[in-house]
Protein backbone atom coordinates (compact mmCIF):
# COMPACT_ATOMS: atom_id res chain seq x y z
CA MET A 1 -12.95 18.06 20.35
CA HIS A 2 -14.95 18.45 16.90
CA ILE A 3 -13.32 16.73 13.57
CA ASP A 4 -14.58 17.50 10.24
CA THR A 5 -14.55 14.28 8.78
CA ASN A 6 -15.63 15.56 5.47
CA ASP A 7 -12.80 18.05 5.08
CA LEU A 8 -10.28 15.30 6.29
CA LEU A 9 -11.58 13.23 3.67
CA LYS A 10 -10.99 15.42 0.51
CA SER A 11 -7.89 16.33 2.17
CA ILE A 12 -6.90 12.10 2.26
CA MET A 13 -8.57 12.05 -1.56
CA LYS A 14 -5.91 14.65 -2.72
CA SER A 15 -3.03 12.96 -0.76
CA PHE A 16 -4.11 10.10 -3.13
CA ASP A 17 -3.94 12.12 -6.39
CA ARG A 18 0.01 13.08 -5.08
CA ILE A 19 0.86 9.35 -4.74
CA ASP A 20 2.97 8.16 -7.62
CA TYR A 21 5.61 4.98 -7.67
CA VAL A 22 9.48 5.32 -8.06
CA LYS A 23 9.58 4.94 -11.62
CA SER A 24 12.83 2.60 -12.77
CA SER A 25 13.91 5.43 -14.87
CA ASP A 26 14.51 7.41 -11.71
CA ILE A 27 17.06 4.94 -10.30
CA PRO A 28 20.59 5.50 -10.91
CA ASN A 29 22.04 3.24 -13.79
CA ILE A 30 25.33 3.04 -11.63
CA ASP A 31 25.80 0.43 -8.57
CA LEU A 32 25.67 2.13 -5.06
CA TYR A 33 27.17 1.80 -1.94
CA MET A 34 25.05 1.15 1.00
CA ASP A 35 24.75 4.91 2.16
CA GLN A 36 23.60 5.92 -1.12
CA VAL A 37 20.86 3.46 -1.44
CA THR A 38 19.50 4.44 1.77
CA THR A 39 19.74 8.12 0.62
CA PHE A 40 17.56 7.16 -2.45
CA MET A 41 15.07 5.38 -0.75
CA ASP A 42 14.80 8.15 1.99
CA LYS A 43 14.17 10.67 -0.84
CA ASN A 44 11.91 8.76 -2.67
CA LEU A 45 9.36 6.84 -0.68
CA ARG A 46 9.58 9.13 2.97
CA LYS A 47 7.04 11.70 1.89
CA ASN A 48 4.33 9.00 1.40
CA SER A 49 4.99 7.62 5.37
CA ARG A 50 2.97 8.58 8.28
CA HIS A 51 5.29 10.54 9.93
CA PRO A 52 7.74 11.85 7.25
CA GLU A 53 10.02 13.82 9.65
CA GLU A 54 10.73 11.27 11.71
CA ASP A 55 10.20 7.39 10.11
CA LYS A 56 13.02 5.78 8.41
CA VAL A 57 12.05 4.36 5.33
CA MET A 58 14.87 1.68 5.28
CA THR A 59 18.27 1.30 7.61
CA LYS A 60 21.32 -0.58 7.04
CA THR A 61 20.39 -2.91 9.33
CA MET A 62 17.27 -3.75 7.22
CA ILE A 63 18.96 -4.18 4.38
CA ASN A 64 21.64 -6.21 5.69
CA ASN A 65 18.90 -8.53 7.39
CA TYR A 66 16.78 -8.71 3.91
CA ALA A 67 20.34 -10.00 2.31
CA LYS A 68 20.94 -12.64 5.18
CA ASN A 69 17.23 -13.90 4.72
CA ASP A 70 17.51 -14.05 1.11
CA LEU A 71 14.96 -11.61 0.40
CA LEU A 72 17.15 -9.61 -1.21
CA PRO A 73 20.58 -10.96 -3.59
CA PRO A 74 23.65 -10.07 -2.37
CA PRO A 75 25.45 -6.89 -2.87
CA ILE A 76 28.51 -7.18 -5.65
CA LYS A 77 31.76 -5.65 -3.78
CA LYS A 78 29.37 -3.98 -1.23
CA LYS A 79 27.78 -2.38 -3.95
CA TYR A 80 23.66 -2.74 -5.16
CA SER A 81 22.85 -2.46 -8.89
CA LYS A 82 19.16 -1.06 -9.98
CA GLU A 83 18.09 -4.12 -9.45
CA HIS A 84 18.62 -4.41 -5.94
CA VAL A 85 16.78 -0.91 -5.45
CA LEU A 86 13.80 -2.47 -7.34
CA VAL A 87 13.73 -5.32 -5.08
CA LEU A 88 14.06 -3.12 -1.90
CA ILE A 89 11.27 -0.74 -3.30
CA PHE A 90 9.07 -4.06 -3.37
CA ILE A 91 10.11 -5.02 -0.04
CA TYR A 92 9.22 -1.40 1.62
CA TYR A 93 5.55 -2.13 0.44
CA TYR A 94 5.32 -5.40 1.60
CA LYS A 95 7.09 -5.16 5.10
CA GLY A 96 3.91 -3.26 6.43
CA ILE A 97 1.77 -5.98 6.02
CA LEU A 98 3.22 -9.48 5.68
CA PRO A 99 5.77 -11.27 7.61
CA ILE A 100 9.41 -11.61 6.37
CA SER A 101 8.56 -15.49 5.29
CA ASP A 102 5.85 -14.18 3.17
CA ILE A 103 7.88 -11.78 1.69
CA GLN A 104 10.56 -14.42 0.66
CA ALA A 105 8.02 -16.63 -0.73
CA LEU A 106 6.72 -13.81 -2.59
CA LEU A 107 9.65 -12.46 -4.12
CA GLU A 108 12.08 -15.86 -4.45
CA PRO A 109 10.30 -17.12 -8.16
CA ILE A 110 11.12 -13.11 -8.99
CA THR A 111 14.70 -12.90 -7.80
CA LYS A 112 15.61 -16.37 -9.08
CA ASN A 113 14.29 -16.32 -12.61
CA TYR A 114 14.56 -12.47 -13.71
CA PHE A 115 16.92 -10.47 -11.23
CA ALA A 116 20.34 -9.92 -13.12
CA SER A 117 18.94 -11.76 -16.07
CA ASP A 118 19.90 -12.03 -19.61
CA LEU A 119 16.60 -12.69 -20.81
CA ASP A 120 14.39 -9.87 -22.72
CA PHE A 121 12.00 -9.84 -19.90
CA ASN A 122 13.59 -9.10 -16.34
CA ILE A 123 13.07 -7.62 -13.18
CA THR A 124 12.73 -3.95 -14.45
CA ASP A 125 9.99 -5.19 -16.68
CA ILE A 126 7.63 -6.76 -13.76
CA TYR A 127 8.35 -3.62 -11.71
CA GLU A 128 7.21 -0.92 -14.31
CA GLU A 129 3.95 -3.59 -15.50
CA VAL A 130 3.13 -4.00 -11.47
CA PHE A 131 3.21 -0.30 -10.53
CA GLY A 132 1.91 1.15 -13.41
CA MET A 133 -1.09 -1.27 -12.91
CA GLU A 134 -1.44 -0.10 -9.39
CA ARG A 135 -1.07 3.58 -10.79
CA ASN A 136 -4.39 2.76 -12.50
CA GLN A 137 -6.25 1.68 -9.29
CA ILE A 138 -6.09 5.33 -7.64
CA GLU A 139 -9.50 6.48 -9.15
CA SER A 140 -11.25 2.91 -8.26
CA LEU A 141 -9.55 3.22 -4.70
CA LYS A 142 -11.18 6.59 -4.26
CA LYS A 143 -14.45 5.71 -5.20
CA ASP A 144 -14.30 2.61 -2.79
CA VAL A 145 -13.38 4.78 0.07
CA MET A 146 -15.70 7.28 -0.57
CA GLN A 147 -18.68 4.96 -0.77
CA LYS A 148 -17.56 3.49 2.80
CA TYR A 149 -17.50 6.64 4.05
CA GLU A 150 -21.18 7.51 2.89
CA SER A 151 -22.31 4.42 4.39
CA ALA A 152 -20.44 5.21 7.93
CA MET A 153 -22.12 8.48 8.06
CA ASP A 154 -25.45 6.92 7.90
CA THR A 155 -25.04 4.88 10.77
CA PHE A 156 -25.65 5.40 14.30
CA GLY A 157 -28.80 7.53 13.64
CA GLU A 158 -30.21 6.74 16.88
CA ALA A 159 -27.23 7.52 18.58
CA PRO A 160 -27.13 10.29 21.23
CA ASP A 161 -26.23 13.24 19.33
CA ASP A 162 -23.00 14.07 21.21
CA SER A 163 -21.81 11.01 20.24
CA LYS A 164 -22.42 10.67 16.58
CA GLU A 165 -19.42 12.28 15.12
CA PHE A 166 -17.07 9.75 17.10
CA LEU A 167 -19.39 6.69 16.30
CA ARG A 168 -19.64 7.53 12.62
CA LEU A 169 -15.80 7.82 12.54
CA PHE A 170 -15.41 4.81 14.53
CA SER A 171 -17.71 3.04 11.64
CA PHE A 172 -15.84 4.45 8.87
CA ILE A 173 -12.69 3.17 10.56
CA CYS A 174 -14.11 -0.58 11.11
CA LEU A 175 -15.28 -0.60 7.69
CA LEU A 176 -11.81 0.20 6.23
CA SER A 177 -10.37 -2.50 8.64
CA PHE A 178 -12.50 -5.03 7.33
CA ASP A 179 -11.52 -4.35 3.91
CA VAL A 180 -7.82 -4.41 4.70
CA TYR A 181 -8.38 -7.76 6.95
CA MET A 182 -10.36 -9.60 3.93
CA LYS A 183 -7.51 -8.46 1.53
CA LYS A 184 -4.70 -9.71 3.79
CA MET A 185 -6.43 -12.82 4.51
CA LEU A 186 -6.78 -13.48 0.73
CA ILE A 187 -2.88 -12.28 0.04
CA GLU A 188 -1.98 -15.04 2.40
CA LYS A 189 -4.03 -17.61 1.03
CA LEU A 190 -2.62 -16.80 -2.41
CA ILE A 191 1.16 -16.86 -0.82
CA ASP A 192 0.43 -20.33 0.59
CA GLU A 193 -0.79 -21.62 -2.46
CA MET A 194 2.33 -20.27 -3.96
CA LYS A 195 4.68 -22.09 -1.50
CA ASP A 196 3.06 -25.33 -2.70
CA THR A 197 3.23 -24.42 -6.29
CA LYS A 198 6.81 -25.17 -8.39
CA PHE A 199 7.64 -22.52 -10.41
CA PRO A 200 9.95 -22.93 -13.61
CA ASN A 201 13.11 -22.25 -12.56
CA LYS A 202 15.11 -20.36 -15.61
CA ASP A 203 18.74 -21.20 -14.30
CA LYS A 204 17.73 -24.97 -14.33
CA ASP A 205 15.74 -24.47 -17.53
CA LYS A 206 19.32 -23.34 -19.54
CA LYS A 207 21.03 -26.45 -18.23
């Protein structure tokens, strides 16, 4: 079976250009019930999932578990604020690469200090700053992927002709996987460092 890796890569690159984050201004300014939250998440994030026609972005059970495990502040009278939705979006992106305990360690200083904050700087500001920065990384990411692709296409020059295509694709996947592995290891080390660091607590600072 022939796979045109060049056409496949071009298609992936085009999909990168279509990736966009959910802006805070897209989130309703009114409190939402659980069904409304899951509908909003599904509508805005499903298109980037691996199997859009099948994948569940976030279920009621997931959200309830996040609240029980202190990843998400509890709803008020069964309603979720705009800030709840922002935290859920962070969780959605983290849960594919990090265990619950790491996500909790990462988000705890954020939710404790900036969730429902009366400060001028709050969780909405953090969200917009971080996701705006990530959007600007798309072009750099595309260049990096292309470099890895070109390197992979230069491998296995001495392999049998009927095996070169598969082996070069395998090589490309290995390069991408190694990159993910190294970055995941770095993320884990940074989170472990965070766990040992005492961050300022805005509630205590006020007292």
